Amino acid sequence: MIVGKEHGLDIPAFVKSSIEYGVQSEAAAQLITRGHLTRGGAVFVARECGDEWENVSDQIGDEAQLELFSSGLTSLDYERLRDLGERLRLSVQ
């Protein structure tokens, strides 16, 4: 990225990822980075949950909430989202 260290700006990693992945939110960038969702899947989940990663991680960490996403995701993205939710649950314990 041209702007950044050269100009004394400390840009959060999710902003760089958002630009790289072509998504408009921290949540979508984190879903791609941490969960390996496709861009379309990440955008769908972020649209449903909100742009902030904290909100999204809370919702996908709750097994009951995961069912809400099944109809809007490919089976691959849904499995990846479930795996990410499982990892998030384990990290909290």
PDB file of N, CA and C in Angstrom:
ATOM      1  N   MET A   1       0.842  -1.161   0.000  1.00  0.00           N
ATOM      2  CA  MET A   1       0.000   0.000   0.000  1.00  0.00           C
ATOM      3  C   MET A   1       0.894   1.232   0.000  1.00  0.00           C
ATOM      4  N   ILE A   2       0.574   2.197  -0.816  1.00  0.00           N
ATOM      5  CA  ILE A   2       1.387   3.401  -0.937  1.00  0.00           C
ATOM      6  C   ILE A   2       1.321   4.235   0.335  1.00  0.00           C
ATOM      7  N   VAL A   3       0.127   4.448   0.847  1.00  0.00           N
ATOM      8  CA  VAL A   3      -0.030   5.217   2.081  1.00  0.00           C
ATOM      9  C   VAL A   3       0.218   4.278   3.240  1.00  0.00           C
ATOM     10  N   GLY A   4       0.862   4.753   4.241  1.00  0.00           N
ATOM     11  CA  GLY A   4       1.122   3.896   5.399  1.00  0.00           C
ATOM     12  C   GLY A   4       2.376   4.320   6.094  1.00  0.00           C
ATOM     13  N   LYS A   5       3.282   3.386   6.247  1.00  0.00           N
ATOM     14  CA  LYS A   5       4.505   3.644   6.998  1.00  0.00           C
ATOM     15  C   LYS A   5       5.292   4.821   6.440  1.00  0.00           C
ATOM     16  N   GLU A   6       5.325   4.960   5.122  1.00  0.00           N
ATOM     17  CA  GLU A   6       6.081   6.052   4.506  1.00  0.00           C
ATOM     18  C   GLU A   6       5.571   7.415   4.947  1.00  0.00           C
ATOM     19  N   HIS A   7       4.283   7.507   5.212  1.00  0.00           N
ATOM     20  CA  HIS A   7       3.677   8.786   5.580  1.00  0.00           C
ATOM     21  C   HIS A   7       3.336   8.853   7.063  1.00  0.00           C
ATOM     22  N   GLY A   8       3.844   7.928   7.844  1.00  0.00           N
ATOM     23  CA  GLY A   8       3.628   7.947   9.285  1.00  0.00           C
ATOM     24  C   GLY A   8       2.237   7.541   9.720  1.00  0.00           C
ATOM     25  N   LEU A   9       1.498   6.876   8.858  1.00  0.00           N
ATOM     26  CA  LEU A   9       0.148   6.444   9.212  1.00  0.00           C
ATOM     27  C   LEU A   9       0.179   4.992   9.665  1.00  0.00           C
ATOM     28  N   ASP A  10      -0.527   4.716  10.728  1.00  0.00           N
ATOM     29  CA  ASP A  10      -0.643   3.343  11.223  1.00  0.00           C
ATOM     30  C   ASP A  10      -2.015   2.821  10.809  1.00  0.00           C
ATOM     31  N   ILE A  11      -2.049   2.080   9.732  1.00  0.00           N
ATOM     32  CA  ILE A  11      -3.307   1.583   9.187  1.00  0.00           C
ATOM     33  C   ILE A  11      -3.572   0.199   9.755  1.00  0.00           C
ATOM     34  N   PRO A  12      -4.767  -0.009  10.345  1.00  0.00           N
ATOM     35  CA  PRO A  12      -5.089  -1.333  10.891  1.00  0.00           C
ATOM     36  C   PRO A  12      -5.018  -2.411   9.807  1.00  0.00           C
ATOM     37  N   ALA A  13      -4.626  -3.606  10.222  1.00  0.00           N
ATOM     38  CA  ALA A  13      -4.471  -4.716   9.277  1.00  0.00           C
ATOM     39  C   ALA A  13      -5.763  -5.007   8.524  1.00  0.00           C
ATOM     40  N   PHE A  14      -6.928  -4.882   9.212  1.00  0.00           N
ATOM     41  CA  PHE A  14      -8.175  -5.202   8.527  1.00  0.00           C
ATOM     42  C   PHE A  14      -8.460  -4.235   7.385  1.00  0.00           C
ATOM     43  N   VAL A  15      -7.978  -2.994   7.467  1.00  0.00           N
ATOM     44  CA  VAL A  15      -8.191  -2.037   6.376  1.00  0.00           C
ATOM     45  C   VAL A  15      -7.409  -2.501   5.150  1.00  0.00           C
ATOM     46  N   LYS A  16      -6.183  -2.913   5.376  1.00  0.00           N
ATOM     47  CA  LYS A  16      -5.378  -3.425   4.264  1.00  0.00           C
ATOM     48  C   LYS A  16      -6.035  -4.663   3.654  1.00  0.00           C
ATOM     49  N   SER A  17      -6.510  -5.558   4.521  1.00  0.00           N
ATOM     50  CA  SER A  17      -7.177  -6.773   4.034  1.00  0.00           C
ATOM     51  C   SER A  17      -8.458  -6.436   3.290  1.00  0.00           C
ATOM     52  N   SER A  18      -9.217  -5.474   3.797  1.00  0.00           N
ATOM     53  CA  SER A  18     -10.462  -5.069   3.134  1.00  0.00           C
ATOM     54  C   SER A  18     -10.191  -4.588   1.717  1.00  0.00           C
ATOM     55  N   ILE A  19      -9.143  -3.812   1.571  1.00  0.00           N
ATOM     56  CA  ILE A  19      -8.782  -3.311   0.243  1.00  0.00           C
ATOM     57  C   ILE A  19      -8.325  -4.467  -0.645  1.00  0.00           C
ATOM     58  N   GLU A  20      -7.479  -5.320  -0.101  1.00  0.00           N
ATOM     59  CA  GLU A  20      -6.957  -6.455  -0.871  1.00  0.00           C
ATOM     60  C   GLU A  20      -8.070  -7.384  -1.338  1.00  0.00           C
ATOM     61  N   TYR A  21      -9.041  -7.666  -0.449  1.00  0.00           N
ATOM     62  CA  TYR A  21     -10.119  -8.602  -0.772  1.00  0.00           C
ATOM     63  C   TYR A  21     -11.302  -7.942  -1.470  1.00  0.00           C
ATOM     64  N   GLY A  22     -11.319  -6.622  -1.509  1.00  0.00           N
ATOM     65  CA  GLY A  22     -12.421  -5.923  -2.155  1.00  0.00           C
ATOM     66  C   GLY A  22     -13.717  -5.984  -1.371  1.00  0.00           C
ATOM     67  N   VAL A  23     -13.604  -5.935  -0.040  1.00  0.00           N
ATOM     68  CA  VAL A  23     -14.782  -5.936   0.824  1.00  0.00           C
ATOM     69  C   VAL A  23     -14.810  -4.639   1.619  1.00  0.00           C
ATOM     70  N   GLN A  24     -15.986  -4.301   2.135  1.00  0.00           N
ATOM     71  CA  GLN A  24     -16.138  -2.992   2.756  1.00  0.00           C
ATOM     72  C   GLN A  24     -16.198  -3.015   4.271  1.00  0.00           C
ATOM     73  N   SER A  25     -15.891  -4.135   4.900  1.00  0.00           N
ATOM     74  CA  SER A  25     -16.014  -4.162   6.356  1.00  0.00           C
ATOM     75  C   SER A  25     -14.927  -5.006   7.001  1.00  0.00           C
ATOM     76  N   GLU A  26     -14.683  -4.688   8.258  1.00  0.00           N
ATOM     77  CA  GLU A  26     -13.747  -5.480   9.056  1.00  0.00           C
ATOM     78  C   GLU A  26     -14.238  -6.921   9.153  1.00  0.00           C
ATOM     79  N   ALA A  27     -15.539  -7.082   9.364  1.00  0.00           N
ATOM     80  CA  ALA A  27     -16.104  -8.423   9.526  1.00  0.00           C
ATOM     81  C   ALA A  27     -15.843  -9.286   8.293  1.00  0.00           C
ATOM     82  N   ALA A  28     -16.121  -8.753   7.122  1.00  0.00           N
ATOM     83  CA  ALA A  28     -15.913  -9.525   5.892  1.00  0.00           C
ATOM     84  C   ALA A  28     -14.438  -9.868   5.702  1.00  0.00           C
ATOM     85  N   ALA A  29     -13.562  -8.919   5.976  1.00  0.00           N
ATOM     86  CA  ALA A  29     -12.127  -9.182   5.846  1.00  0.00           C
ATOM     87  C   ALA A  29     -11.686 -10.275   6.815  1.00  0.00           C
ATOM     88  N   GLN A  30     -12.183 -10.242   8.039  1.00  0.00           N
ATOM     89  CA  GLN A  30     -11.824 -11.259   9.029  1.00  0.00           C
ATOM     90  C   GLN A  30     -12.385 -12.629   8.641  1.00  0.00           C
ATOM     91  N   LEU A  31     -13.586 -12.656   8.094  1.00  0.00           N
ATOM     92  CA  LEU A  31     -14.177 -13.928   7.665  1.00  0.00           C
ATOM     93  C   LEU A  31     -13.349 -14.575   6.557  1.00  0.00           C
ATOM     94  N   ILE A  32     -12.817 -13.760   5.677  1.00  0.00           N
ATOM     95  CA  ILE A  32     -11.963 -14.282   4.610  1.00  0.00           C
ATOM     96  C   ILE A  32     -10.618 -14.719   5.187  1.00  0.00           C
ATOM     97  N   THR A  33     -10.033 -13.875   6.022  1.00  0.00           N
ATOM     98  CA  THR A  33      -8.713 -14.156   6.585  1.00  0.00           C
ATOM     99  C   THR A  33      -8.737 -15.332   7.552  1.00  0.00           C
ATOM    100  N   ARG A  34      -9.651 -15.299   8.504  1.00  0.00           N
ATOM    101  CA  ARG A  34      -9.680 -16.318   9.557  1.00  0.00           C
ATOM    102  C   ARG A  34     -10.465 -17.565   9.170  1.00  0.00           C
ATOM    103  N   GLY A  35     -11.542 -17.362   8.410  1.00  0.00           N
ATOM    104  CA  GLY A  35     -12.415 -18.484   8.099  1.00  0.00           C
ATOM    105  C   GLY A  35     -12.268 -19.039   6.703  1.00  0.00           C
ATOM    106  N   HIS A  36     -11.518 -18.345   5.858  1.00  0.00           N
ATOM    107  CA  HIS A  36     -11.281 -18.771   4.478  1.00  0.00           C
ATOM    108  C   HIS A  36     -12.573 -18.841   3.665  1.00  0.00           C
ATOM    109  N   LEU A  37     -13.550 -17.993   4.020  1.00  0.00           N
ATOM    110  CA  LEU A  37     -14.776 -17.922   3.237  1.00  0.00           C
ATOM    111  C   LEU A  37     -14.475 -17.246   1.909  1.00  0.00           C
ATOM    112  N   THR A  38     -15.320 -17.499   0.929  1.00  0.00           N
ATOM    113  CA  THR A  38     -15.202 -16.778  -0.330  1.00  0.00           C
ATOM    114  C   THR A  38     -15.641 -15.341  -0.091  1.00  0.00           C
ATOM    115  N   ARG A  39     -15.297 -14.476  -1.016  1.00  0.00           N
ATOM    116  CA  ARG A  39     -15.688 -13.073  -0.886  1.00  0.00           C
ATOM    117  C   ARG A  39     -17.203 -12.956  -0.767  1.00  0.00           C
ATOM    118  N   GLY A  40     -17.930 -13.655  -1.628  1.00  0.00           N
ATOM    119  CA  GLY A  40     -19.391 -13.595  -1.596  1.00  0.00           C
ATOM    120  C   GLY A  40     -19.970 -14.066  -0.273  1.00  0.00           C
ATOM    121  N   GLY A  41     -19.423 -15.148   0.259  1.00  0.00           N
ATOM    122  CA  GLY A  41     -19.887 -15.666   1.541  1.00  0.00           C
ATOM    123  C   GLY A  41     -19.612 -14.701   2.674  1.00  0.00           C
ATOM    124  N   ALA A  42     -18.426 -14.124   2.667  1.00  0.00           N
ATOM    125  CA  ALA A  42     -18.051 -13.177   3.717  1.00  0.00           C
ATOM    126  C   ALA A  42     -18.929 -11.929   3.674  1.00  0.00           C
ATOM    127  N   VAL A  43     -19.196 -11.439   2.477  1.00  0.00           N
ATOM    128  CA  VAL A  43     -20.051 -10.255   2.338  1.00  0.00           C
ATOM    129  C   VAL A  43     -21.466 -10.571   2.817  1.00  0.00           C
ATOM    130  N   PHE A  44     -21.975 -11.750   2.494  1.00  0.00           N
ATOM    131  CA  PHE A  44     -23.315 -12.148   2.940  1.00  0.00           C
ATOM    132  C   PHE A  44     -23.404 -12.174   4.465  1.00  0.00           C
ATOM    133  N   VAL A  45     -22.450 -12.828   5.115  1.00  0.00           N
ATOM    134  CA  VAL A  45     -22.482 -12.938   6.577  1.00  0.00           C
ATOM    135  C   VAL A  45     -22.345 -11.557   7.213  1.00  0.00           C
ATOM    136  N   ALA A  46     -21.437 -10.740   6.701  1.00  0.00           N
ATOM    137  CA  ALA A  46     -21.255  -9.393   7.247  1.00  0.00           C
ATOM    138  C   ALA A  46     -22.514  -8.549   7.061  1.00  0.00           C
ATOM    139  N   ARG A  47     -23.187  -8.721   5.942  1.00  0.00           N
ATOM    140  CA  ARG A  47     -24.429  -7.979   5.704  1.00  0.00           C
ATOM    141  C   ARG A  47     -25.499  -8.392   6.712  1.00  0.00           C
ATOM    142  N   GLU A  48     -25.535  -9.668   7.051  1.00  0.00           N
ATOM    143  CA  GLU A  48     -26.530 -10.176   7.996  1.00  0.00           C
ATOM    144  C   GLU A  48     -26.211  -9.797   9.442  1.00  0.00           C
ATOM    145  N   CYS A  49     -24.936  -9.748   9.790  1.00  0.00           N
ATOM    146  CA  CYS A  49     -24.521  -9.553  11.195  1.00  0.00           C
ATOM    147  C   CYS A  49     -24.048  -8.145  11.518  1.00  0.00           C
ATOM    148  N   GLY A  50     -23.617  -7.428  10.520  1.00  0.00           N
ATOM    149  CA  GLY A  50     -23.045  -6.105  10.759  1.00  0.00           C
ATOM    150  C   GLY A  50     -21.572  -6.082  10.387  1.00  0.00           C
ATOM    151  N   ASP A  51     -21.034  -4.891  10.342  1.00  0.00           N
ATOM    152  CA  ASP A  51     -19.674  -4.704   9.843  1.00  0.00           C
ATOM    153  C   ASP A  51     -18.578  -4.962  10.868  1.00  0.00           C
ATOM    154  N   GLU A  52     -18.928  -5.000  12.147  1.00  0.00           N
ATOM    155  CA  GLU A  52     -17.906  -5.145  13.183  1.00  0.00           C
ATOM    156  C   GLU A  52     -17.616  -6.616  13.470  1.00  0.00           C
ATOM    157  N   TRP A  53     -16.343  -6.948  13.504  1.00  0.00           N
ATOM    158  CA  TRP A  53     -15.920  -8.326  13.719  1.00  0.00           C
ATOM    159  C   TRP A  53     -16.433  -8.874  15.045  1.00  0.00           C
ATOM    160  N   GLU A  54     -16.440  -8.064  16.081  1.00  0.00           N
ATOM    161  CA  GLU A  54     -16.883  -8.537  17.395  1.00  0.00           C
ATOM    162  C   GLU A  54     -18.321  -9.064  17.342  1.00  0.00           C
ATOM    163  N   ASN A  55     -19.199  -8.352  16.668  1.00  0.00           N
ATOM    164  CA  ASN A  55     -20.595  -8.799  16.537  1.00  0.00           C
ATOM    165  C   ASN A  55     -20.689 -10.096  15.743  1.00  0.00           C
ATOM    166  N   VAL A  56     -19.960 -10.154  14.650  1.00  0.00           N
ATOM    167  CA  VAL A  56     -19.999 -11.342  13.797  1.00  0.00           C
ATOM    168  C   VAL A  56     -19.431 -12.549  14.538  1.00  0.00           C
ATOM    169  N   SER A  57     -18.305 -12.365  15.207  1.00  0.00           N
ATOM    170  CA  SER A  57     -17.690 -13.498  15.906  1.00  0.00           C
ATOM    171  C   SER A  57     -18.586 -14.012  17.026  1.00  0.00           C
ATOM    172  N   ASP A  58     -19.310 -13.110  17.692  1.00  0.00           N
ATOM    173  CA  ASP A  58     -20.265 -13.552  18.716  1.00  0.00           C
ATOM    174  C   ASP A  58     -21.369 -14.404  18.103  1.00  0.00           C
ATOM    175  N   GLN A  59     -21.882 -13.974  16.959  1.00  0.00           N
ATOM    176  CA  GLN A  59     -22.991 -14.694  16.334  1.00  0.00           C
ATOM    177  C   GLN A  59     -22.562 -16.036  15.756  1.00  0.00           C
ATOM    178  N   ILE A  60     -21.413 -16.081  15.105  1.00  0.00           N
ATOM    179  CA  ILE A  60     -21.007 -17.363  14.523  1.00  0.00           C
ATOM    180  C   ILE A  60     -20.428 -18.297  15.576  1.00  0.00           C
ATOM    181  N   GLY A  61     -20.082 -17.754  16.727  1.00  0.00           N
ATOM    182  CA  GLY A  61     -19.637 -18.589  17.835  1.00  0.00           C
ATOM    183  C   GLY A  61     -20.782 -19.275  18.546  1.00  0.00           C
ATOM    184  N   ASP A  62     -22.009 -18.878  18.209  1.00  0.00           N
ATOM    185  CA  ASP A  62     -23.221 -19.453  18.802  1.00  0.00           C
ATOM    186  C   ASP A  62     -23.817 -20.435  17.794  1.00  0.00           C
ATOM    187  N   GLU A  63     -23.784 -21.723  18.127  1.00  0.00           N
ATOM    188  CA  GLU A  63     -24.250 -22.756  17.188  1.00  0.00           C
ATOM    189  C   GLU A  63     -25.676 -22.521  16.709  1.00  0.00           C
ATOM    190  N   ALA A  64     -26.538 -22.037  17.586  1.00  0.00           N
ATOM    191  CA  ALA A  64     -27.934 -21.801  17.211  1.00  0.00           C
ATOM    192  C   ALA A  64     -28.038 -20.728  16.125  1.00  0.00           C
ATOM    193  N   GLN A  65     -27.147 -19.761  16.140  1.00  0.00           N
ATOM    194  CA  GLN A  65     -27.170 -18.685  15.147  1.00  0.00           C
ATOM    195  C   GLN A  65     -26.680 -19.147  13.774  1.00  0.00           C
ATOM    196  N   LEU A  66     -25.820 -20.148  13.756  1.00  0.00           N
ATOM    197  CA  LEU A  66     -25.235 -20.589  12.488  1.00  0.00           C
ATOM    198  C   LEU A  66     -26.275 -21.051  11.474  1.00  0.00           C
ATOM    199  N   GLU A  67     -27.339 -21.687  11.943  1.00  0.00           N
ATOM    200  CA  GLU A  67     -28.395 -22.174  11.042  1.00  0.00           C
ATOM    201  C   GLU A  67     -28.967 -21.043  10.202  1.00  0.00           C
ATOM    202  N   LEU A  68     -28.972 -19.833  10.742  1.00  0.00           N
ATOM    203  CA  LEU A  68     -29.541 -18.693  10.022  1.00  0.00           C
ATOM    204  C   LEU A  68     -28.802 -18.404   8.717  1.00  0.00           C
ATOM    205  N   PHE A  69     -27.561 -18.826   8.630  1.00  0.00           N
ATOM    206  CA  PHE A  69     -26.754 -18.526   7.448  1.00  0.00           C
ATOM    207  C   PHE A  69     -26.798 -19.618   6.386  1.00  0.00           C
ATOM    208  N   SER A  70     -27.336 -20.775   6.719  1.00  0.00           N
ATOM    209  CA  SER A  70     -27.255 -21.926   5.816  1.00  0.00           C
ATOM    210  C   SER A  70     -27.904 -21.674   4.461  1.00  0.00           C
ATOM    211  N   SER A  71     -28.993 -20.935   4.428  1.00  0.00           N
ATOM    212  CA  SER A  71     -29.692 -20.743   3.156  1.00  0.00           C
ATOM    213  C   SER A  71     -29.004 -19.737   2.240  1.00  0.00           C
ATOM    214  N   GLY A  72     -28.135 -18.895   2.784  1.00  0.00           N
ATOM    215  CA  GLY A  72     -27.507 -17.868   1.961  1.00  0.00           C
ATOM    216  C   GLY A  72     -26.076 -18.157   1.565  1.00  0.00           C
ATOM    217  N   LEU A  73     -25.564 -19.323   1.964  1.00  0.00           N
ATOM    218  CA  LEU A  73     -24.167 -19.655   1.686  1.00  0.00           C
ATOM    219  C   LEU A  73     -24.060 -20.940   0.876  1.00  0.00           C
ATOM    220  N   THR A  74     -22.982 -21.060   0.137  1.00  0.00           N
ATOM    221  CA  THR A  74     -22.696 -22.340  -0.504  1.00  0.00           C
ATOM    222  C   THR A  74     -22.382 -23.349   0.595  1.00  0.00           C
ATOM    223  N   SER A  75     -22.452 -24.613   0.276  1.00  0.00           N
ATOM    224  CA  SER A  75     -22.153 -25.628   1.292  1.00  0.00           C
ATOM    225  C   SER A  75     -20.706 -25.510   1.775  1.00  0.00           C
ATOM    226  N   LEU A  76     -19.796 -25.148   0.894  1.00  0.00           N
ATOM    227  CA  LEU A  76     -18.398 -24.980   1.287  1.00  0.00           C
ATOM    228  C   LEU A  76     -18.241 -23.814   2.265  1.00  0.00           C
ATOM    229  N   ASP A  77     -18.835 -22.670   1.940  1.00  0.00           N
ATOM    230  CA  ASP A  77     -18.750 -21.520   2.844  1.00  0.00           C
ATOM    231  C   ASP A  77     -19.424 -21.811   4.177  1.00  0.00           C
ATOM    232  N   TYR A  78     -20.539 -22.532   4.142  1.00  0.00           N
ATOM    233  CA  TYR A  78     -21.231 -22.864   5.390  1.00  0.00           C
ATOM    234  C   TYR A  78     -20.350 -23.754   6.269  1.00  0.00           C
ATOM    235  N   GLU A  79     -19.696 -24.738   5.674  1.00  0.00           N
ATOM    236  CA  GLU A  79     -18.789 -25.609   6.436  1.00  0.00           C
ATOM    237  C   GLU A  79     -17.622 -24.811   7.004  1.00  0.00           C
ATOM    238  N   ARG A  80     -17.088 -23.914   6.205  1.00  0.00           N
ATOM    239  CA  ARG A  80     -15.982 -23.080   6.684  1.00  0.00           C
ATOM    240  C   ARG A  80     -16.443 -22.173   7.825  1.00  0.00           C
ATOM    241  N   LEU A  81     -17.650 -21.651   7.718  1.00  0.00           N
ATOM    242  CA  LEU A  81     -18.194 -20.803   8.779  1.00  0.00           C
ATOM    243  C   LEU A  81     -18.403 -21.612  10.058  1.00  0.00           C
ATOM    244  N   ARG A  82     -18.911 -22.833   9.908  1.00  0.00           N
ATOM    245  CA  ARG A  82     -19.082 -23.709  11.080  1.00  0.00           C
ATOM    246  C   ARG A  82     -17.740 -24.016  11.731  1.00  0.00           C
ATOM    247  N   ASP A  83     -16.735 -24.290  10.920  1.00  0.00           N
ATOM    248  CA  ASP A  83     -15.394 -24.559  11.460  1.00  0.00           C
ATOM    249  C   ASP A  83     -14.851 -23.347  12.213  1.00  0.00           C
ATOM    250  N   LEU A  84     -15.039 -22.172  11.648  1.00  0.00           N
ATOM    251  CA  LEU A  84     -14.591 -20.947  12.314  1.00  0.00           C
ATOM    252  C   LEU A  84     -15.343 -20.747  13.619  1.00  0.00           C
ATOM    253  N   GLY A  85     -16.647 -20.971  13.600  1.00  0.00           N
ATOM    254  CA  GLY A  85     -17.439 -20.861  14.825  1.00  0.00           C
ATOM    255  C   GLY A  85     -16.940 -21.809  15.900  1.00  0.00           C
ATOM    256  N   GLU A  86     -16.601 -23.017  15.508  1.00  0.00           N
ATOM    257  CA  GLU A  86     -16.061 -24.012  16.448  1.00  0.00           C
ATOM    258  C   GLU A  86     -14.739 -23.533  17.046  1.00  0.00           C
ATOM    259  N   ARG A  87     -13.870 -23.020  16.198  1.00  0.00           N
ATOM    260  CA  ARG A  87     -12.579 -22.516  16.701  1.00  0.00           C
ATOM    261  C   ARG A  87     -12.781 -21.350  17.653  1.00  0.00           C
ATOM    262  N   LEU A  88     -13.737 -20.482  17.339  1.00  0.00           N
ATOM    263  CA  LEU A  88     -14.019 -19.345  18.223  1.00  0.00           C
ATOM    264  C   LEU A  88     -14.552 -19.819  19.569  1.00  0.00           C
ATOM    265  N   ARG A  89     -15.433 -20.820  19.542  1.00  0.00           N
ATOM    266  CA  ARG A  89     -15.960 -21.363  20.807  1.00  0.00           C
ATOM    267  C   ARG A  89     -14.845 -21.974  21.641  1.00  0.00           C
ATOM    268  N   LEU A  90     -13.952 -22.701  20.998  1.00  0.00           N
ATOM    269  CA  LEU A  90     -12.847 -23.337  21.718  1.00  0.00           C
ATOM    270  C   LEU A  90     -11.876 -22.312  22.295  1.00  0.00           C
ATOM    271  N   SER A  91     -11.693 -21.207  21.590  1.00  0.00           N
ATOM    272  CA  SER A  91     -10.750 -20.193  22.071  1.00  0.00           C
ATOM    273  C   SER A  91     -11.283 -19.437  23.284  1.00  0.00           C
ATOM    274  N   VAL A  92     -12.600 -19.435  23.463  1.00  0.00           N
ATOM    275  CA  VAL A  92     -13.211 -18.734  24.595  1.00  0.00           C
ATOM    276  C   VAL A  92     -13.146 -19.582  25.855  1.00  0.00           C
ATOM    277  N   GLN A  93     -13.147 -20.885  25.694  1.00  0.00           N
ATOM    278  CA  GLN A  93     -13.180 -21.788  26.857  1.00  0.00           C
ATOM    279  C   GLN A  93     -11.931 -21.754  27.654  1.00  0.00           C
TER     280      GLN A  93
END
